[in-house]
Amino acid sequence: MLFSGLLFGHFGATIAPPVHEFARDFGLILFVHAIGIGVGPGFARSLRRHGLPLNLIAAGTVILGAATAVSYPFGLLRVICAQLIVLLFMR
């Protein structure tokens, strides 16, 4: 599909915008479906075993990123980094 689109685009072929939107959305749906079918059973099993720790790590990453973004204009980034280094490595 990708190579045929590249070939038609190279030769200047165009399609109507509604057809383009449909093909884009349909391609995304097929991609997500294929990934879900391939990963589905293992993903559910893994989520039951390791779901809470991995979600806590993800939430911590988001919170740390938000704290960094908020503190940067106030010059608090160095303070936060120093506190993290102390918390992580100076036990």
PDB file of N, CA and C in Angstrom:
ATOM      1  N   MET A   1       0.827  -1.187   0.000  1.00  0.00           N
ATOM      2  CA  MET A   1       0.000   0.000   0.000  1.00  0.00           C
ATOM      3  C   MET A   1       0.874   1.254   0.000  1.00  0.00           C
ATOM      4  N   LEU A   2       1.885   1.262   0.860  1.00  0.00           N
ATOM      5  CA  LEU A   2       2.766   2.429   0.948  1.00  0.00           C
ATOM      6  C   LEU A   2       3.496   2.663  -0.364  1.00  0.00           C
ATOM      7  N   PHE A   3       4.041   1.594  -0.937  1.00  0.00           N
ATOM      8  CA  PHE A   3       4.821   1.760  -2.163  1.00  0.00           C
ATOM      9  C   PHE A   3       3.933   2.127  -3.348  1.00  0.00           C
ATOM     10  N   SER A   4       2.712   1.620  -3.379  1.00  0.00           N
ATOM     11  CA  SER A   4       1.823   2.014  -4.475  1.00  0.00           C
ATOM     12  C   SER A   4       1.459   3.492  -4.344  1.00  0.00           C
ATOM     13  N   GLY A   5       1.240   3.968  -3.100  1.00  0.00           N
ATOM     14  CA  GLY A   5       0.970   5.385  -2.897  1.00  0.00           C
ATOM     15  C   GLY A   5       2.151   6.249  -3.298  1.00  0.00           C
ATOM     16  N   LEU A   6       3.354   5.804  -2.962  1.00  0.00           N
ATOM     17  CA  LEU A   6       4.548   6.547  -3.371  1.00  0.00           C
ATOM     18  C   LEU A   6       4.692   6.576  -4.889  1.00  0.00           C
ATOM     19  N   LEU A   7       4.399   5.455  -5.537  1.00  0.00           N
ATOM     20  CA  LEU A   7       4.515   5.383  -6.994  1.00  0.00           C
ATOM     21  C   LEU A   7       3.494   6.308  -7.660  1.00  0.00           C
ATOM     22  N   PHE A   8       2.229   6.252  -7.203  1.00  0.00           N
ATOM     23  CA  PHE A   8       1.221   7.136  -7.784  1.00  0.00           C
ATOM     24  C   PHE A   8       1.536   8.601  -7.505  1.00  0.00           C
ATOM     25  N   GLY A   9       2.020   8.906  -6.331  1.00  0.00           N
ATOM     26  CA  GLY A   9       2.386  10.278  -6.003  1.00  0.00           C
ATOM     27  C   GLY A   9       3.541  10.781  -6.843  1.00  0.00           C
ATOM     28  N   HIS A  10       4.477   9.891  -7.146  1.00  0.00           N
ATOM     29  CA  HIS A  10       5.620  10.270  -7.986  1.00  0.00           C
ATOM     30  C   HIS A  10       5.172  10.693  -9.374  1.00  0.00           C
ATOM     31  N   PHE A  11       4.151  10.019  -9.896  1.00  0.00           N
ATOM     32  CA  PHE A  11       3.668  10.333 -11.233  1.00  0.00           C
ATOM     33  C   PHE A  11       2.581  11.397 -11.227  1.00  0.00           C
ATOM     34  N   GLY A  12       2.288  11.979 -10.068  1.00  0.00           N
ATOM     35  CA  GLY A  12       1.385  13.122 -10.001  1.00  0.00           C
ATOM     36  C   GLY A  12      -0.084  12.783  -9.875  1.00  0.00           C
ATOM     37  N   ALA A  13      -0.416  11.548  -9.577  1.00  0.00           N
ATOM     38  CA  ALA A  13      -1.826  11.187  -9.424  1.00  0.00           C
ATOM     39  C   ALA A  13      -2.373  11.800  -8.135  1.00  0.00           C
ATOM     40  N   THR A  14      -3.600  12.270  -8.188  1.00  0.00           N
ATOM     41  CA  THR A  14      -4.247  12.836  -7.004  1.00  0.00           C
ATOM     42  C   THR A  14      -5.589  12.150  -6.801  1.00  0.00           C
ATOM     43  N   ILE A  15      -6.099  12.236  -5.574  1.00  0.00           N
ATOM     44  CA  ILE A  15      -7.421  11.687  -5.272  1.00  0.00           C
ATOM     45  C   ILE A  15      -8.228  12.769  -4.566  1.00  0.00           C
ATOM     46  N   ALA A  16      -9.526  12.573  -4.565  1.00  0.00           N
ATOM     47  CA  ALA A  16     -10.428  13.545  -3.932  1.00  0.00           C
ATOM     48  C   ALA A  16     -10.176  13.554  -2.421  1.00  0.00           C
ATOM     49  N   PRO A  17     -10.302  14.713  -1.775  1.00  0.00           N
ATOM     50  CA  PRO A  17     -10.058  14.794  -0.322  1.00  0.00           C
ATOM     51  C   PRO A  17     -10.888  13.834   0.525  1.00  0.00           C
ATOM     52  N   PRO A  18     -12.185  13.607   0.226  1.00  0.00           N
ATOM     53  CA  PRO A  18     -12.916  12.629   1.053  1.00  0.00           C
ATOM     54  C   PRO A  18     -12.349  11.211   0.944  1.00  0.00           C
ATOM     55  N   VAL A  19     -11.908  10.848  -0.254  1.00  0.00           N
ATOM     56  CA  VAL A  19     -11.310   9.519  -0.442  1.00  0.00           C
ATOM     57  C   VAL A  19      -9.987   9.442   0.315  1.00  0.00           C
ATOM     58  N   HIS A  20      -9.229  10.522   0.301  1.00  0.00           N
ATOM     59  CA  HIS A  20      -7.958  10.558   1.026  1.00  0.00           C
ATOM     60  C   HIS A  20      -8.180  10.394   2.523  1.00  0.00           C
ATOM     61  N   GLU A  21      -9.176  11.098   3.070  1.00  0.00           N
ATOM     62  CA  GLU A  21      -9.468  10.988   4.497  1.00  0.00           C
ATOM     63  C   GLU A  21      -9.925   9.579   4.860  1.00  0.00           C
ATOM     64  N   PHE A  22     -10.771   8.985   4.011  1.00  0.00           N
ATOM     65  CA  PHE A  22     -11.232   7.627   4.280  1.00  0.00           C
ATOM     66  C   PHE A  22     -10.073   6.652   4.253  1.00  0.00           C
ATOM     67  N   ALA A  23      -9.215   6.749   3.254  1.00  0.00           N
ATOM     68  CA  ALA A  23      -8.088   5.823   3.137  1.00  0.00           C
ATOM     69  C   ALA A  23      -7.138   5.982   4.317  1.00  0.00           C
ATOM     70  N   ARG A  24      -6.913   7.208   4.763  1.00  0.00           N
ATOM     71  CA  ARG A  24      -6.031   7.447   5.906  1.00  0.00           C
ATOM     72  C   ARG A  24      -6.610   6.828   7.173  1.00  0.00           C
ATOM     73  N   ASP A  25      -7.891   7.078   7.417  1.00  0.00           N
ATOM     74  CA  ASP A  25      -8.531   6.536   8.618  1.00  0.00           C
ATOM     75  C   ASP A  25      -8.619   5.010   8.567  1.00  0.00           C
ATOM     76  N   PHE A  26      -8.956   4.479   7.415  1.00  0.00           N
ATOM     77  CA  PHE A  26      -9.078   3.035   7.269  1.00  0.00           C
ATOM     78  C   PHE A  26      -7.721   2.354   7.454  1.00  0.00           C
ATOM     79  N   GLY A  27      -6.668   2.957   6.937  1.00  0.00           N
ATOM     80  CA  GLY A  27      -5.328   2.415   7.134  1.00  0.00           C
ATOM     81  C   GLY A  27      -4.921   2.400   8.603  1.00  0.00           C
ATOM     82  N   LEU A  28      -5.261   3.465   9.318  1.00  0.00           N
ATOM     83  CA  LEU A  28      -4.969   3.517  10.749  1.00  0.00           C
ATOM     84  C   LEU A  28      -5.750   2.450  11.503  1.00  0.00           C
ATOM     85  N   ILE A  29      -7.019   2.277  11.148  1.00  0.00           N
ATOM     86  CA  ILE A  29      -7.835   1.247  11.802  1.00  0.00           C
ATOM     87  C   ILE A  29      -7.252  -0.137  11.553  1.00  0.00           C
ATOM     88  N   LEU A  30      -6.851  -0.427  10.334  1.00  0.00           N
ATOM     89  CA  LEU A  30      -6.249  -1.727  10.038  1.00  0.00           C
ATOM     90  C   LEU A  30      -4.951  -1.934  10.804  1.00  0.00           C
ATOM     91  N   PHE A  31      -4.150  -0.903  10.908  1.00  0.00           N
ATOM     92  CA  PHE A  31      -2.876  -1.000  11.635  1.00  0.00           C
ATOM     93  C   PHE A  31      -3.119  -1.289  13.113  1.00  0.00           C
ATOM     94  N   VAL A  32      -4.015  -0.538  13.736  1.00  0.00           N
ATOM     95  CA  VAL A  32      -4.299  -0.742  15.162  1.00  0.00           C
ATOM     96  C   VAL A  32      -4.900  -2.123  15.390  1.00  0.00           C
ATOM     97  N   HIS A  33      -5.767  -2.564  14.499  1.00  0.00           N
ATOM     98  CA  HIS A  33      -6.360  -3.898  14.621  1.00  0.00           C
ATOM     99  C   HIS A  33      -5.285  -4.980  14.526  1.00  0.00           C
ATOM    100  N   ALA A  34      -4.386  -4.858  13.568  1.00  0.00           N
ATOM    101  CA  ALA A  34      -3.328  -5.863  13.411  1.00  0.00           C
ATOM    102  C   ALA A  34      -2.424  -5.910  14.635  1.00  0.00           C
ATOM    103  N   ILE A  35      -2.077  -4.766  15.178  1.00  0.00           N
ATOM    104  CA  ILE A  35      -1.249  -4.733  16.388  1.00  0.00           C
ATOM    105  C   ILE A  35      -2.008  -5.355  17.557  1.00  0.00           C
ATOM    106  N   GLY A  36      -3.287  -5.040  17.692  1.00  0.00           N
ATOM    107  CA  GLY A  36      -4.093  -5.600  18.776  1.00  0.00           C
ATOM    108  C   GLY A  36      -4.220  -7.103  18.686  1.00  0.00           C
ATOM    109  N   ILE A  37      -4.416  -7.633  17.493  1.00  0.00           N
ATOM    110  CA  ILE A  37      -4.528  -9.077  17.315  1.00  0.00           C
ATOM    111  C   ILE A  37      -3.194  -9.753  17.663  1.00  0.00           C
ATOM    112  N   GLY A  38      -2.098  -9.143  17.268  1.00  0.00           N
ATOM    113  CA  GLY A  38      -0.791  -9.754  17.525  1.00  0.00           C
ATOM    114  C   GLY A  38      -0.354  -9.682  18.973  1.00  0.00           C
ATOM    115  N   VAL A  39      -0.713  -8.625  19.666  1.00  0.00           N
ATOM    116  CA  VAL A  39      -0.201  -8.393  21.016  1.00  0.00           C
ATOM    117  C   VAL A  39      -1.242  -8.694  22.088  1.00  0.00           C
ATOM    118  N   GLY A  40      -2.505  -8.763  21.732  1.00  0.00           N
ATOM    119  CA  GLY A  40      -3.606  -8.852  22.670  1.00  0.00           C
ATOM    120  C   GLY A  40      -3.461  -9.809  23.832  1.00  0.00           C
ATOM    121  N   PRO A  41      -3.322 -11.116  23.615  1.00  0.00           N
ATOM    122  CA  PRO A  41      -3.287 -12.045  24.739  1.00  0.00           C
ATOM    123  C   PRO A  41      -2.111 -11.811  25.687  1.00  0.00           C
ATOM    124  N   GLY A  42      -0.953 -11.578  25.147  1.00  0.00           N
ATOM    125  CA  GLY A  42       0.219 -11.312  25.987  1.00  0.00           C
ATOM    126  C   GLY A  42       0.105 -10.001  26.730  1.00  0.00           C
ATOM    127  N   PHE A  43      -0.534  -9.018  26.126  1.00  0.00           N
ATOM    128  CA  PHE A  43      -0.687  -7.717  26.771  1.00  0.00           C
ATOM    129  C   PHE A  43      -1.588  -7.830  27.986  1.00  0.00           C
ATOM    130  N   ALA A  44      -2.713  -8.528  27.847  1.00  0.00           N
ATOM    131  CA  ALA A  44      -3.636  -8.676  28.974  1.00  0.00           C
ATOM    132  C   ALA A  44      -2.969  -9.431  30.123  1.00  0.00           C
ATOM    133  N   ARG A  45      -2.228 -10.475  29.811  1.00  0.00           N
ATOM    134  CA  ARG A  45      -1.523 -11.245  30.836  1.00  0.00           C
ATOM    135  C   ARG A  45      -0.476 -10.383  31.534  1.00  0.00           C
ATOM    136  N   SER A  46       0.268  -9.627  30.757  1.00  0.00           N
ATOM    137  CA  SER A  46       1.307  -8.767  31.320  1.00  0.00           C
ATOM    138  C   SER A  46       0.707  -7.644  32.162  1.00  0.00           C
ATOM    139  N   LEU A  47      -0.424  -7.120  31.727  1.00  0.00           N
ATOM    140  CA  LEU A  47      -1.068  -6.039  32.477  1.00  0.00           C
ATOM    141  C   LEU A  47      -1.558  -6.535  33.836  1.00  0.00           C
ATOM    142  N   ARG A  48      -2.050  -7.771  33.879  1.00  0.00           N
ATOM    143  CA  ARG A  48      -2.483  -8.324  35.159  1.00  0.00           C
ATOM    144  C   ARG A  48      -1.319  -8.500  36.114  1.00  0.00           C
ATOM    145  N   ARG A  49      -0.160  -8.907  35.600  1.00  0.00           N
ATOM    146  CA  ARG A  49       1.010  -9.150  36.448  1.00  0.00           C
ATOM    147  C   ARG A  49       1.734  -7.881  36.850  1.00  0.00           C
ATOM    148  N   HIS A  50       1.991  -7.024  35.875  1.00  0.00           N
ATOM    149  CA  HIS A  50       2.876  -5.878  36.093  1.00  0.00           C
ATOM    150  C   HIS A  50       2.170  -4.540  35.915  1.00  0.00           C
ATOM    151  N   GLY A  51       0.862  -4.522  35.883  1.00  0.00           N
ATOM    152  CA  GLY A  51       0.115  -3.309  35.550  1.00  0.00           C
ATOM    153  C   GLY A  51       0.319  -2.162  36.513  1.00  0.00           C
ATOM    154  N   LEU A  52       0.182  -2.411  37.809  1.00  0.00           N
ATOM    155  CA  LEU A  52       0.271  -1.326  38.780  1.00  0.00           C
ATOM    156  C   LEU A  52       1.659  -0.684  38.818  1.00  0.00           C
ATOM    157  N   PRO A  53       2.748  -1.471  38.914  1.00  0.00           N
ATOM    158  CA  PRO A  53       4.065  -0.809  38.940  1.00  0.00           C
ATOM    159  C   PRO A  53       4.367  -0.014  37.667  1.00  0.00           C
ATOM    160  N   LEU A  54       3.992  -0.552  36.519  1.00  0.00           N
ATOM    161  CA  LEU A  54       4.273   0.158  35.271  1.00  0.00           C
ATOM    162  C   LEU A  54       3.433   1.429  35.156  1.00  0.00           C
ATOM    163  N   ASN A  55       2.187   1.373  35.611  1.00  0.00           N
ATOM    164  CA  ASN A  55       1.358   2.579  35.588  1.00  0.00           C
ATOM    165  C   ASN A  55       1.858   3.621  36.569  1.00  0.00           C
ATOM    166  N   LEU A  56       2.382   3.199  37.712  1.00  0.00           N
ATOM    167  CA  LEU A  56       2.962   4.158  38.655  1.00  0.00           C
ATOM    168  C   LEU A  56       4.210   4.814  38.079  1.00  0.00           C
ATOM    169  N   ILE A  57       5.026   4.047  37.376  1.00  0.00           N
ATOM    170  CA  ILE A  57       6.210   4.629  36.718  1.00  0.00           C
ATOM    171  C   ILE A  57       5.771   5.644  35.661  1.00  0.00           C
ATOM    172  N   ALA A  58       4.749   5.297  34.871  1.00  0.00           N
ATOM    173  CA  ALA A  58       4.253   6.218  33.844  1.00  0.00           C
ATOM    174  C   ALA A  58       3.701   7.495  34.474  1.00  0.00           C
ATOM    175  N   ALA A  59       2.925   7.350  35.547  1.00  0.00           N
ATOM    176  CA  ALA A  59       2.373   8.532  36.218  1.00  0.00           C
ATOM    177  C   ALA A  59       3.488   9.384  36.816  1.00  0.00           C
ATOM    178  N   GLY A  60       4.499   8.747  37.402  1.00  0.00           N
ATOM    179  CA  GLY A  60       5.640   9.495  37.940  1.00  0.00           C
ATOM    180  C   GLY A  60       6.388  10.258  36.865  1.00  0.00           C
ATOM    181  N   THR A  61       6.524   9.655  35.699  1.00  0.00           N
ATOM    182  CA  THR A  61       7.193  10.326  34.584  1.00  0.00           C
ATOM    183  C   THR A  61       6.414  11.555  34.138  1.00  0.00           C
ATOM    184  N   VAL A  62       5.099  11.423  34.050  1.00  0.00           N
ATOM    185  CA  VAL A  62       4.257  12.562  33.647  1.00  0.00           C
ATOM    186  C   VAL A  62       4.318  13.670  34.695  1.00  0.00           C
ATOM    187  N   ILE A  63       4.238  13.294  35.960  1.00  0.00           N
ATOM    188  CA  ILE A  63       4.290  14.296  37.032  1.00  0.00           C
ATOM    189  C   ILE A  63       5.640  14.997  37.058  1.00  0.00           C
ATOM    190  N   LEU A  64       6.719  14.235  36.884  1.00  0.00           N
ATOM    191  CA  LEU A  64       8.054  14.841  36.858  1.00  0.00           C
ATOM    192  C   LEU A  64       8.211  15.795  35.676  1.00  0.00           C
ATOM    193  N   GLY A  65       7.670  15.404  34.524  1.00  0.00           N
ATOM    194  CA  GLY A  65       7.729  16.290  33.359  1.00  0.00           C
ATOM    195  C   GLY A  65       6.940  17.573  33.571  1.00  0.00           C
ATOM    196  N   ALA A  66       5.769  17.443  34.173  1.00  0.00           N
ATOM    197  CA  ALA A  66       4.957  18.634  34.450  1.00  0.00           C
ATOM    198  C   ALA A  66       5.648  19.532  35.470  1.00  0.00           C
ATOM    199  N   ALA A  67       6.243  18.939  36.501  1.00  0.00           N
ATOM    200  CA  ALA A  67       6.960  19.736  37.502  1.00  0.00           C
ATOM    201  C   ALA A  67       8.148  20.450  36.882  1.00  0.00           C
ATOM    202  N   THR A  68       8.828  19.789  35.974  1.00  0.00           N
ATOM    203  CA  THR A  68       9.958  20.422  35.293  1.00  0.00           C
ATOM    204  C   THR A  68       9.488  21.591  34.440  1.00  0.00           C
ATOM    205  N   ALA A  69       8.392  21.384  33.699  1.00  0.00           N
ATOM    206  CA  ALA A  69       7.883  22.449  32.832  1.00  0.00           C
ATOM    207  C   ALA A  69       7.408  23.652  33.636  1.00  0.00           C
ATOM    208  N   VAL A  70       6.779  23.402  34.768  1.00  0.00           N
ATOM    209  CA  VAL A  70       6.264  24.498  35.588  1.00  0.00           C
ATOM    210  C   VAL A  70       7.396  25.228  36.296  1.00  0.00           C
ATOM    211  N   SER A  71       8.400  24.489  36.754  1.00  0.00           N
ATOM    212  CA  SER A  71       9.462  25.112  37.544  1.00  0.00           C
ATOM    213  C   SER A  71      10.529  25.795  36.704  1.00  0.00           C
ATOM    214  N   TYR A  72      10.617  25.458  35.423  1.00  0.00           N
ATOM    215  CA  TYR A  72      11.690  26.008  34.590  1.00  0.00           C
ATOM    216  C   TYR A  72      11.679  27.540  34.529  1.00  0.00           C
ATOM    217  N   PRO A  73      10.535  28.190  34.296  1.00  0.00           N
ATOM    218  CA  PRO A  73      10.558  29.663  34.222  1.00  0.00           C
ATOM    219  C   PRO A  73      10.951  30.331  35.540  1.00  0.00           C
ATOM    220  N   PHE A  74      10.786  29.651  36.657  1.00  0.00           N
ATOM    221  CA  PHE A  74      11.095  30.237  37.959  1.00  0.00           C
ATOM    222  C   PHE A  74      12.504  29.908  38.440  1.00  0.00           C
ATOM    223  N   GLY A  75      13.264  29.165  37.655  1.00  0.00           N
ATOM    224  CA  GLY A  75      14.631  28.826  38.039  1.00  0.00           C
ATOM    225  C   GLY A  75      14.717  27.733  39.090  1.00  0.00           C
ATOM    226  N   LEU A  76      13.651  26.986  39.260  1.00  0.00           N
ATOM    227  CA  LEU A  76      13.640  25.942  40.275  1.00  0.00           C
ATOM    228  C   LEU A  76      14.112  24.589  39.746  1.00  0.00           C
ATOM    229  N   LEU A  77      14.469  24.528  38.473  1.00  0.00           N
ATOM    230  CA  LEU A  77      14.872  23.260  37.875  1.00  0.00           C
ATOM    231  C   LEU A  77      16.105  22.693  38.564  1.00  0.00           C
ATOM    232  N   ARG A  78      17.067  23.543  38.890  1.00  0.00           N
ATOM    233  CA  ARG A  78      18.271  23.059  39.579  1.00  0.00           C
ATOM    234  C   ARG A  78      17.944  22.512  40.952  1.00  0.00           C
ATOM    235  N   VAL A  79      17.029  23.141  41.636  1.00  0.00           N
ATOM    236  CA  VAL A  79      16.642  22.687  42.971  1.00  0.00           C
ATOM    237  C   VAL A  79      15.968  21.321  42.888  1.00  0.00           C
ATOM    238  N   ILE A  80      15.063  21.156  41.924  1.00  0.00           N
ATOM    239  CA  ILE A  80      14.374  19.871  41.771  1.00  0.00           C
ATOM    240  C   ILE A  80      15.356  18.777  41.391  1.00  0.00           C
ATOM    241  N   CYS A  81      16.265  19.065  40.472  1.00  0.00           N
ATOM    242  CA  CYS A  81      17.265  18.069  40.067  1.00  0.00           C
ATOM    243  C   CYS A  81      18.149  17.686  41.245  1.00  0.00           C
ATOM    244  N   ALA A  82      18.569  18.650  42.028  1.00  0.00           N
ATOM    245  CA  ALA A  82      19.407  18.352  43.187  1.00  0.00           C
ATOM    246  C   ALA A  82      18.651  17.498  44.194  1.00  0.00           C
ATOM    247  N   GLN A  83      17.373  17.784  44.407  1.00  0.00           N
ATOM    248  CA  GLN A  83      16.591  16.979  45.343  1.00  0.00           C
ATOM    249  C   GLN A  83      16.402  15.562  44.829  1.00  0.00           C
ATOM    250  N   LEU A  84      16.202  15.413  43.533  1.00  0.00           N
ATOM    251  CA  LEU A  84      16.063  14.079  42.968  1.00  0.00           C
ATOM    252  C   LEU A  84      17.340  13.270  43.099  1.00  0.00           C
ATOM    253  N   ILE A  85      18.475  13.930  42.856  1.00  0.00           N
ATOM    254  CA  ILE A  85      19.760  13.237  43.003  1.00  0.00           C
ATOM    255  C   ILE A  85      19.953  12.790  44.439  1.00  0.00           C
ATOM    256  N   VAL A  86      19.602  13.640  45.376  1.00  0.00           N
ATOM    257  CA  VAL A  86      19.729  13.272  46.789  1.00  0.00           C
ATOM    258  C   VAL A  86      18.798  12.113  47.118  1.00  0.00           C
ATOM    259  N   LEU A  87      17.564  12.173  46.639  1.00  0.00           N
ATOM    260  CA  LEU A  87      16.605  11.114  46.925  1.00  0.00           C
ATOM    261  C   LEU A  87      17.010   9.785  46.310  1.00  0.00           C
ATOM    262  N   LEU A  88      17.524   9.823  45.085  1.00  0.00           N
ATOM    263  CA  LEU A  88      17.821   8.588  44.384  1.00  0.00           C
ATOM    264  C   LEU A  88      19.170   7.968  44.769  1.00  0.00           C
ATOM    265  N   PHE A  89      20.171   8.797  44.997  1.00  0.00           N
ATOM    266  CA  PHE A  89      21.524   8.243  45.123  1.00  0.00           C
ATOM    267  C   PHE A  89      22.141   8.411  46.498  1.00  0.00           C
ATOM    268  N   MET A  90      21.574   9.203  47.372  1.00  0.00           N
ATOM    269  CA  MET A  90      22.199   9.464  48.669  1.00  0.00           C
ATOM    270  C   MET A  90      21.389   8.827  49.795  1.00  0.00           C
ATOM    271  N   ARG A  91      21.077   7.600  49.676  1.00  0.00           N
ATOM    272  CA  ARG A  91      20.285   6.920  50.723  1.00  0.00           C
ATOM    273  C   ARG A  91      21.170   6.445  51.833  1.00  0.00           C
TER     274      ARG A  91
END
